[in-house]
Amino acid sequence: MLDKTHAVASEGVSKALYDEKTGRLLGAGICGRNAGELISEAVLALEMGASAQDVGLSIHPHPTLSETFALAAELAEGTATDTLNK
């Protein structure tokens, strides 16, 4: 089973696909200003086998597009504090 989450900011969006059983990142898409610079974080997370928890616990400055990648991970984990969880 897959858990797909996305987080939207005023100038961009991050989508992340996590394995529901293991929590590992399976794929990501990032759109917005400087998204080309941010995609490297997703690639690194994929290469190291990072989980949603790993990404969510990493520091992401506010307000930036990079925090949407962390928020997507927190949404997958159900630990997001900046939005309403399902």
C-alpha atoms as a PDB file:
ATOM      1  CA  MET A   1       0.000   0.000   0.000  1.00  0.00           C
ATOM      2  CA  LEU A   2       1.264   3.486  -0.835  1.00  0.00           C
ATOM      3  CA  ASP A   3       0.784   6.742   1.017  1.00  0.00           C
ATOM      4  CA  LYS A   4       0.866   9.789  -1.246  1.00  0.00           C
ATOM      5  CA  THR A   5       1.038  13.178   0.405  1.00  0.00           C
ATOM      6  CA  HIS A   6       1.473  16.686  -0.844  1.00  0.00           C
ATOM      7  CA  ALA A   7       1.999  20.087   0.690  1.00  0.00           C
ATOM      8  CA  VAL A   8       1.232  23.379  -0.990  1.00  0.00           C
ATOM      9  CA  ALA A   9       2.831  26.760  -0.384  1.00  0.00           C
ATOM     10  CA  SER A  10       1.899  30.070  -1.968  1.00  0.00           C
ATOM     11  CA  GLU A  11       4.654  29.645  -4.554  1.00  0.00           C
ATOM     12  CA  GLY A  12       5.142  25.895  -4.917  1.00  0.00           C
ATOM     13  CA  VAL A  13       4.124  22.367  -4.138  1.00  0.00           C
ATOM     14  CA  SER A  14       5.892  19.207  -2.996  1.00  0.00           C
ATOM     15  CA  LYS A  15       4.531  15.708  -3.445  1.00  0.00           C
ATOM     16  CA  ALA A  16       6.032  12.643  -1.833  1.00  0.00           C
ATOM     17  CA  LEU A  17       5.196   8.977  -2.182  1.00  0.00           C
ATOM     18  CA  TYR A  18       6.012   6.770   0.817  1.00  0.00           C
ATOM     19  CA  ASP A  19       5.691   3.034   1.309  1.00  0.00           C
ATOM     20  CA  GLU A  20       2.897   2.669   3.848  1.00  0.00           C
ATOM     21  CA  LYS A  21       4.483  -0.411   5.439  1.00  0.00           C
ATOM     22  CA  THR A  22       8.115   0.724   5.748  1.00  0.00           C
ATOM     23  CA  GLY A  23       7.716   4.506   5.582  1.00  0.00           C
ATOM     24  CA  ARG A  24      10.497   4.730   2.975  1.00  0.00           C
ATOM     25  CA  LEU A  25      10.380   7.438   0.338  1.00  0.00           C
ATOM     26  CA  LEU A  26       9.552   5.953  -3.070  1.00  0.00           C
ATOM     27  CA  GLY A  27       9.387   9.114  -5.161  1.00  0.00           C
ATOM     28  CA  ALA A  28       8.861  12.858  -5.079  1.00  0.00           C
ATOM     29  CA  GLY A  29       7.896  15.792  -7.239  1.00  0.00           C
ATOM     30  CA  ILE A  30       8.594  19.424  -6.485  1.00  0.00           C
ATOM     31  CA  CYS A  31       7.308  22.428  -8.431  1.00  0.00           C
ATOM     32  CA  GLY A  32       7.966  26.093  -7.816  1.00  0.00           C
ATOM     33  CA  ARG A  33      10.648  28.724  -7.828  1.00  0.00           C
ATOM     34  CA  ASN A  34      14.050  27.079  -7.202  1.00  0.00           C
ATOM     35  CA  ALA A  35      12.527  23.591  -7.310  1.00  0.00           C
ATOM     36  CA  GLY A  36      15.611  22.492  -9.254  1.00  0.00           C
ATOM     37  CA  GLU A  37      17.724  23.224  -6.201  1.00  0.00           C
ATOM     38  CA  LEU A  38      15.347  21.453  -3.831  1.00  0.00           C
ATOM     39  CA  ILE A  39      14.947  18.212  -5.777  1.00  0.00           C
ATOM     40  CA  SER A  40      18.427  17.224  -4.620  1.00  0.00           C
ATOM     41  CA  GLU A  41      17.026  16.708  -1.110  1.00  0.00           C
ATOM     42  CA  ALA A  42      14.490  14.228  -2.466  1.00  0.00           C
ATOM     43  CA  VAL A  43      17.185  12.429  -4.476  1.00  0.00           C
ATOM     44  CA  LEU A  44      19.432  12.181  -1.410  1.00  0.00           C
ATOM     45  CA  ALA A  45      16.521  10.856   0.667  1.00  0.00           C
ATOM     46  CA  LEU A  46      15.801   8.240  -2.015  1.00  0.00           C
ATOM     47  CA  GLU A  47      19.442   7.168  -2.231  1.00  0.00           C
ATOM     48  CA  MET A  48      19.846   6.786   1.529  1.00  0.00           C
ATOM     49  CA  GLY A  49      16.535   4.965   1.961  1.00  0.00           C
ATOM     50  CA  ALA A  50      15.104   7.714   4.148  1.00  0.00           C
ATOM     51  CA  SER A  51      11.726   7.326   5.793  1.00  0.00           C
ATOM     52  CA  ALA A  52       9.044   9.972   6.233  1.00  0.00           C
ATOM     53  CA  GLN A  53      10.236  10.329   9.807  1.00  0.00           C
ATOM     54  CA  ASP A  54      13.829  10.990   8.660  1.00  0.00           C
ATOM     55  CA  VAL A  55      12.696  13.741   6.306  1.00  0.00           C
ATOM     56  CA  GLY A  56      10.211  15.238   8.763  1.00  0.00           C
ATOM     57  CA  LEU A  57      12.768  15.458  11.562  1.00  0.00           C
ATOM     58  CA  SER A  58      15.300  17.275   9.359  1.00  0.00           C
ATOM     59  CA  ILE A  59      15.471  21.042   9.758  1.00  0.00           C
ATOM     60  CA  HIS A  60      13.752  23.021   6.992  1.00  0.00           C
ATOM     61  CA  PRO A  61      13.782  26.839   7.200  1.00  0.00           C
ATOM     62  CA  HIS A  62      10.556  28.869   7.214  1.00  0.00           C
ATOM     63  CA  PRO A  63       9.207  30.330   5.007  1.00  0.00           C
ATOM     64  CA  THR A  64      10.742  28.384   2.132  1.00  0.00           C
ATOM     65  CA  LEU A  65       9.719  25.891  -0.504  1.00  0.00           C
ATOM     66  CA  SER A  66      11.895  23.315   1.269  1.00  0.00           C
ATOM     67  CA  GLU A  67       9.541  23.224   4.246  1.00  0.00           C
ATOM     68  CA  THR A  68       6.807  21.849   1.964  1.00  0.00           C
ATOM     69  CA  PHE A  69       8.925  18.716   1.480  1.00  0.00           C
ATOM     70  CA  ALA A  70       9.155  18.301   5.258  1.00  0.00           C
ATOM     71  CA  LEU A  71       5.436  18.999   5.620  1.00  0.00           C
ATOM     72  CA  ALA A  72       4.617  16.288   3.063  1.00  0.00           C
ATOM     73  CA  ALA A  73       6.646  13.852   5.183  1.00  0.00           C
ATOM     74  CA  GLU A  74       4.897  14.982   8.365  1.00  0.00           C
ATOM     75  CA  LEU A  75       1.520  14.529   6.688  1.00  0.00           C
ATOM     76  CA  ALA A  76       2.479  10.964   5.788  1.00  0.00           C
ATOM     77  CA  GLU A  77       3.456  10.339   9.397  1.00  0.00           C
ATOM     78  CA  GLY A  78       0.422  12.079  10.846  1.00  0.00           C
ATOM     79  CA  THR A  79       2.653  14.426  12.854  1.00  0.00           C
ATOM     80  CA  ALA A  80       2.103  17.717  11.000  1.00  0.00           C
ATOM     81  CA  THR A  81       1.346  20.622  13.313  1.00  0.00           C
ATOM     82  CA  ASP A  82       0.908  23.305  10.623  1.00  0.00           C
ATOM     83  CA  THR A  83      -2.212  21.794   9.039  1.00  0.00           C
ATOM     84  CA  LEU A  84      -5.193  19.636   9.841  1.00  0.00           C
ATOM     85  CA  ASN A  85      -4.372  15.906   9.721  1.00  0.00           C
ATOM     86  CA  LYS A  86      -6.867  13.427   8.313  1.00  0.00           C
END
